Amino acid sequence: MAAVLERQVLELAQYFTIIHHTKGRIRLTVSPNIKKMLKEYKSLSMERAKEFIKKIDGVKEFKLIALLGTVTIIYDENIFDAQLIEDFVNGKNTKQITDFVNAVICKI
């Protein structure tokens, strides 16, 4: 299960690019090609993503603008380590990210 999740995390990461990041706010673009992955993995959806993000300690707000293909995450930098998002997008520290995702999934 962990190997499958890690592969999904790596696959998902390739669809995101950081546009701008300041303390407390990060903005990402989302490739429209993500729809192909969402079709392949039936367990992934925007509803599940929103549910997942609500369970992350320190994340205050999650804004998706589908028309523009952007995601903005407002977070408390004293609680949430935004380096996780940067590592996710850049395909780094995948074991740590997978462990983090598993911990959040357990809260759902």
N, C-alpha and C. Protein backbone atom coordinates (compact mmCIF):
# COMPACT_ATOMS: atom_id res chain seq x y z
N MET A 1 0.83 -1.21 0.00
CA MET A 1 0.00 0.00 0.00
C MET A 1 0.86 1.26 0.00
N ALA A 2 1.91 1.29 0.84
CA ALA A 2 2.77 2.47 0.90
C ALA A 2 3.47 2.72 -0.42
N ALA A 3 3.90 1.64 -1.11
CA ALA A 3 4.57 1.80 -2.40
C ALA A 3 3.61 2.36 -3.44
N VAL A 4 2.36 1.90 -3.41
CA VAL A 4 1.35 2.42 -4.34
C VAL A 4 1.09 3.89 -4.05
N LEU A 5 0.95 4.25 -2.78
CA LEU A 5 0.70 5.63 -2.41
C LEU A 5 1.87 6.52 -2.82
N GLU A 6 3.07 6.06 -2.60
CA GLU A 6 4.24 6.86 -2.96
C GLU A 6 4.27 7.09 -4.48
N ARG A 7 3.94 6.06 -5.26
CA ARG A 7 3.90 6.21 -6.71
C ARG A 7 2.82 7.23 -7.11
N GLN A 8 1.65 7.16 -6.46
CA GLN A 8 0.58 8.11 -6.76
C GLN A 8 0.99 9.54 -6.40
N VAL A 9 1.66 9.70 -5.26
CA VAL A 9 2.12 11.02 -4.84
C VAL A 9 3.09 11.58 -5.88
N LEU A 10 4.03 10.75 -6.33
CA LEU A 10 5.00 11.20 -7.34
C LEU A 10 4.31 11.54 -8.66
N GLU A 11 3.35 10.73 -9.05
CA GLU A 11 2.62 11.00 -10.30
C GLU A 11 1.82 12.29 -10.18
N LEU A 12 1.16 12.46 -9.06
CA LEU A 12 0.35 13.65 -8.84
C LEU A 12 1.20 14.92 -8.85
N ALA A 13 2.37 14.85 -8.26
CA ALA A 13 3.26 16.01 -8.14
C ALA A 13 3.63 16.61 -9.49
N GLN A 14 3.73 15.79 -10.51
CA GLN A 14 4.16 16.30 -11.81
C GLN A 14 3.16 17.26 -12.44
N TYR A 15 1.95 17.32 -11.91
CA TYR A 15 0.93 18.19 -12.47
C TYR A 15 0.90 19.58 -11.82
N PHE A 16 1.75 19.80 -10.83
CA PHE A 16 1.76 21.07 -10.10
C PHE A 16 3.06 21.83 -10.31
N THR A 17 2.95 23.15 -10.36
CA THR A 17 4.11 24.04 -10.44
C THR A 17 3.87 25.20 -9.48
N ILE A 18 4.89 25.57 -8.74
CA ILE A 18 4.77 26.71 -7.82
C ILE A 18 4.88 28.00 -8.63
N ILE A 19 3.89 28.86 -8.46
CA ILE A 19 3.88 30.18 -9.10
C ILE A 19 4.53 31.19 -8.16
N HIS A 20 4.10 31.15 -6.90
CA HIS A 20 4.54 32.15 -5.95
C HIS A 20 4.43 31.56 -4.55
N HIS A 21 5.41 31.87 -3.71
CA HIS A 21 5.39 31.39 -2.34
C HIS A 21 5.96 32.44 -1.40
N THR A 22 5.13 32.88 -0.48
CA THR A 22 5.57 33.74 0.61
C THR A 22 5.11 33.08 1.90
N LYS A 23 5.66 33.51 3.03
CA LYS A 23 5.24 32.91 4.30
C LYS A 23 3.74 33.01 4.45
N GLY A 24 3.12 31.88 4.66
CA GLY A 24 1.68 31.84 4.89
C GLY A 24 0.82 31.68 3.66
N ARG A 25 1.42 31.72 2.47
CA ARG A 25 0.62 31.62 1.23
C ARG A 25 1.46 31.03 0.12
N ILE A 26 0.90 30.01 -0.52
CA ILE A 26 1.57 29.42 -1.67
C ILE A 26 0.53 29.26 -2.78
N ARG A 27 0.95 29.60 -3.99
CA ARG A 27 0.05 29.51 -5.15
C ARG A 27 0.69 28.58 -6.17
N LEU A 28 -0.13 27.65 -6.67
CA LEU A 28 0.33 26.63 -7.62
C LEU A 28 -0.52 26.65 -8.88
N THR A 29 0.09 26.26 -10.00
CA THR A 29 -0.71 25.99 -11.18
C THR A 29 -0.94 24.48 -11.23
N VAL A 30 -2.05 24.12 -11.81
CA VAL A 30 -2.40 22.71 -11.97
C VAL A 30 -2.57 22.45 -13.47
N SER A 31 -1.81 21.50 -13.98
CA SER A 31 -1.90 21.16 -15.39
C SER A 31 -3.27 20.56 -15.70
N PRO A 32 -3.87 20.94 -16.82
CA PRO A 32 -5.16 20.34 -17.20
C PRO A 32 -5.04 18.84 -17.46
N ASN A 33 -3.83 18.36 -17.68
CA ASN A 33 -3.62 16.93 -17.91
C ASN A 33 -3.87 16.09 -16.67
N ILE A 34 -4.09 16.73 -15.53
CA ILE A 34 -4.36 16.00 -14.29
C ILE A 34 -5.65 15.18 -14.43
N LYS A 35 -6.52 15.61 -15.32
CA LYS A 35 -7.79 14.90 -15.52
C LYS A 35 -7.55 13.45 -15.93
N LYS A 36 -6.49 13.21 -16.70
CA LYS A 36 -6.15 11.83 -17.11
C LYS A 36 -5.83 10.98 -15.90
N MET A 37 -5.07 11.54 -14.97
CA MET A 37 -4.71 10.79 -13.76
C MET A 37 -5.94 10.54 -12.90
N LEU A 38 -6.81 11.53 -12.80
CA LEU A 38 -8.01 11.38 -11.99
C LEU A 38 -8.92 10.27 -12.54
N LYS A 39 -8.91 10.10 -13.86
CA LYS A 39 -9.68 9.01 -14.46
C LYS A 39 -9.06 7.66 -14.14
N GLU A 40 -7.72 7.62 -14.11
CA GLU A 40 -7.01 6.36 -13.85
C GLU A 40 -7.19 5.91 -12.39
N TYR A 41 -7.11 6.86 -11.47
CA TYR A 41 -7.25 6.55 -10.05
C TYR A 41 -8.63 7.02 -9.59
N LYS A 42 -9.56 6.13 -9.57
CA LYS A 42 -10.94 6.47 -9.22
C LYS A 42 -11.06 7.00 -7.80
N SER A 43 -10.10 6.65 -6.93
CA SER A 43 -10.17 7.09 -5.54
C SER A 43 -9.79 8.55 -5.37
N LEU A 44 -9.23 9.17 -6.41
CA LEU A 44 -8.85 10.58 -6.34
C LEU A 44 -9.96 11.45 -6.94
N SER A 45 -10.27 12.54 -6.27
CA SER A 45 -11.26 13.49 -6.78
C SER A 45 -11.04 14.82 -6.07
N MET A 46 -11.62 15.88 -6.59
CA MET A 46 -11.50 17.19 -5.96
C MET A 46 -12.18 17.19 -4.59
N GLU A 47 -13.28 16.48 -4.48
CA GLU A 47 -13.98 16.41 -3.19
C GLU A 47 -13.09 15.75 -2.14
N ARG A 48 -12.44 14.66 -2.52
CA ARG A 48 -11.53 13.99 -1.58
C ARG A 48 -10.32 14.84 -1.28
N ALA A 49 -9.84 15.59 -2.27
CA ALA A 49 -8.70 16.48 -2.05
C ALA A 49 -9.06 17.57 -1.04
N LYS A 50 -10.23 18.16 -1.19
CA LYS A 50 -10.68 19.19 -0.26
C LYS A 50 -10.84 18.62 1.15
N GLU A 51 -11.42 17.43 1.24
CA GLU A 51 -11.58 16.76 2.53
C GLU A 51 -10.21 16.50 3.17
N PHE A 52 -9.26 16.06 2.35
CA PHE A 52 -7.91 15.78 2.81
C PHE A 52 -7.25 17.06 3.34
N ILE A 53 -7.35 18.13 2.58
CA ILE A 53 -6.69 19.38 2.94
C ILE A 53 -7.28 19.98 4.21
N LYS A 54 -8.58 19.81 4.43
CA LYS A 54 -9.22 20.31 5.65
C LYS A 54 -8.64 19.65 6.90
N LYS A 55 -8.08 18.47 6.76
CA LYS A 55 -7.54 17.72 7.90
C LYS A 55 -6.08 18.05 8.20
N ILE A 56 -5.45 18.89 7.39
CA ILE A 56 -4.04 19.22 7.60
C ILE A 56 -3.94 20.35 8.62
N ASP A 57 -3.26 20.08 9.72
CA ASP A 57 -3.07 21.08 10.75
C ASP A 57 -2.30 22.27 10.19
N GLY A 58 -2.83 23.46 10.44
CA GLY A 58 -2.15 24.68 10.02
C GLY A 58 -2.64 25.25 8.71
N VAL A 59 -3.37 24.47 7.92
CA VAL A 59 -3.90 25.00 6.66
C VAL A 59 -5.20 25.73 6.99
N LYS A 60 -5.21 27.02 6.68
CA LYS A 60 -6.35 27.87 6.99
C LYS A 60 -7.38 27.89 5.86
N GLU A 61 -6.87 27.90 4.64
CA GLU A 61 -7.77 28.05 3.50
C GLU A 61 -7.17 27.39 2.26
N PHE A 62 -8.04 26.84 1.44
CA PHE A 62 -7.66 26.19 0.19
C PHE A 62 -8.59 26.74 -0.88
N LYS A 63 -8.00 27.41 -1.87
CA LYS A 63 -8.82 27.99 -2.95
C LYS A 63 -8.42 27.36 -4.27
N LEU A 64 -9.38 26.80 -4.95
CA LEU A 64 -9.17 26.24 -6.29
C LEU A 64 -9.92 27.11 -7.28
N ILE A 65 -9.21 27.58 -8.28
CA ILE A 65 -9.84 28.32 -9.37
C ILE A 65 -9.66 27.45 -10.61
N ALA A 66 -10.67 26.62 -10.87
CA ALA A 66 -10.58 25.63 -11.94
C ALA A 66 -10.40 26.28 -13.30
N LEU A 67 -11.06 27.39 -13.53
CA LEU A 67 -10.98 28.08 -14.82
C LEU A 67 -9.54 28.48 -15.15
N LEU A 68 -8.81 28.93 -14.13
CA LEU A 68 -7.41 29.34 -14.32
C LEU A 68 -6.43 28.20 -14.07
N GLY A 69 -6.90 27.14 -13.44
CA GLY A 69 -6.01 26.03 -13.11
C GLY A 69 -5.02 26.39 -12.02
N THR A 70 -5.51 27.10 -11.00
CA THR A 70 -4.62 27.47 -9.90
C THR A 70 -5.19 27.02 -8.56
N VAL A 71 -4.27 26.80 -7.64
CA VAL A 71 -4.61 26.45 -6.26
C VAL A 71 -3.83 27.42 -5.38
N THR A 72 -4.52 28.00 -4.41
CA THR A 72 -3.86 28.84 -3.42
C THR A 72 -4.12 28.23 -2.06
N ILE A 73 -3.05 28.07 -1.29
CA ILE A 73 -3.15 27.52 0.06
C ILE A 73 -2.64 28.58 1.02
N ILE A 74 -3.52 28.95 1.95
CA ILE A 74 -3.17 29.89 3.02
C ILE A 74 -2.91 29.03 4.25
N TYR A 75 -1.76 29.23 4.89
CA TYR A 75 -1.41 28.37 6.03
C TYR A 75 -0.74 29.18 7.14
N ASP A 76 -0.77 28.61 8.32
CA ASP A 76 -0.09 29.19 9.48
C ASP A 76 1.33 28.64 9.47
N GLU A 77 2.31 29.49 9.19
CA GLU A 77 3.70 29.04 9.07
C GLU A 77 4.28 28.52 10.38
N ASN A 78 3.62 28.81 11.51
CA ASN A 78 4.07 28.30 12.80
C ASN A 78 3.60 26.87 13.05
N ILE A 79 2.62 26.42 12.27
CA ILE A 79 2.07 25.07 12.45
C ILE A 79 2.40 24.16 11.28
N PHE A 80 2.23 24.67 10.07
CA PHE A 80 2.41 23.86 8.87
C PHE A 80 3.75 24.17 8.22
N ASP A 81 4.51 23.13 7.92
CA ASP A 81 5.80 23.28 7.25
C ASP A 81 5.58 23.25 5.74
N ALA A 82 5.59 24.43 5.13
CA ALA A 82 5.32 24.55 3.70
C ALA A 82 6.41 23.92 2.85
N GLN A 83 7.53 23.58 3.44
CA GLN A 83 8.58 22.88 2.70
C GLN A 83 8.04 21.57 2.14
N LEU A 84 7.05 20.99 2.82
CA LEU A 84 6.42 19.76 2.33
C LEU A 84 5.80 19.98 0.95
N ILE A 85 5.16 21.12 0.75
CA ILE A 85 4.55 21.40 -0.56
C ILE A 85 5.64 21.58 -1.61
N GLU A 86 6.67 22.32 -1.25
CA GLU A 86 7.76 22.52 -2.20
C GLU A 86 8.43 21.19 -2.55
N ASP A 87 8.66 20.36 -1.55
CA ASP A 87 9.25 19.04 -1.80
C ASP A 87 8.34 18.19 -2.66
N PHE A 88 7.03 18.24 -2.39
CA PHE A 88 6.06 17.49 -3.17
C PHE A 88 6.13 17.89 -4.64
N VAL A 89 6.07 19.19 -4.91
CA VAL A 89 6.08 19.68 -6.29
C VAL A 89 7.40 19.34 -6.98
N ASN A 90 8.49 19.36 -6.24
CA ASN A 90 9.81 19.11 -6.81
C ASN A 90 10.22 17.64 -6.76
N GLY A 91 9.34 16.77 -6.27
CA GLY A 91 9.64 15.34 -6.23
C GLY A 91 10.74 14.96 -5.25
N LYS A 92 10.88 15.71 -4.17
CA LYS A 92 11.91 15.45 -3.16
C LYS A 92 11.28 14.88 -1.89
N ASN A 93 12.09 14.18 -1.10
CA ASN A 93 11.67 13.65 0.20
C ASN A 93 10.33 12.89 0.12
N THR A 94 10.21 12.04 -0.87
CA THR A 94 8.94 11.36 -1.11
C THR A 94 8.52 10.46 0.04
N LYS A 95 9.46 9.88 0.74
CA LYS A 95 9.12 9.03 1.90
C LYS A 95 8.47 9.89 2.98
N GLN A 96 9.03 11.05 3.26
CA GLN A 96 8.48 11.95 4.27
C GLN A 96 7.08 12.42 3.85
N ILE A 97 6.92 12.74 2.59
CA ILE A 97 5.63 13.21 2.09
C ILE A 97 4.60 12.09 2.15
N THR A 98 5.00 10.89 1.77
CA THR A 98 4.09 9.75 1.83
C THR A 98 3.67 9.47 3.26
N ASP A 99 4.60 9.54 4.20
CA ASP A 99 4.27 9.35 5.62
C ASP A 99 3.29 10.42 6.08
N PHE A 100 3.51 11.67 5.65
CA PHE A 100 2.62 12.76 5.99
C PHE A 100 1.21 12.51 5.44
N VAL A 101 1.13 12.12 4.18
CA VAL A 101 -0.16 11.84 3.54
C VAL A 101 -0.87 10.71 4.28
N ASN A 102 -0.15 9.64 4.60
CA ASN A 102 -0.76 8.54 5.35
C ASN A 102 -1.30 9.00 6.69
N ALA A 103 -0.56 9.85 7.40
CA ALA A 103 -1.02 10.35 8.70
C ALA A 103 -2.30 11.18 8.56
N VAL A 104 -2.38 12.00 7.51
CA VAL A 104 -3.58 12.80 7.30
C VAL A 104 -4.75 11.91 6.90
N ILE A 105 -4.50 10.91 6.07
CA ILE A 105 -5.57 10.00 5.65
C ILE A 105 -6.17 9.30 6.85
N CYS A 106 -5.37 8.98 7.83
CA CYS A 106 -5.86 8.33 9.05
C CYS A 106 -6.85 9.21 9.81
N LYS A 107 -6.79 10.53 9.62
CA LYS A 107 -7.72 11.46 10.28
C LYS A 107 -9.07 11.53 9.59
N ILE A 108 -9.10 11.10 8.33
CA ILE A 108 -10.33 11.21 7.51
C ILE A 108 -11.31 10.12 7.90
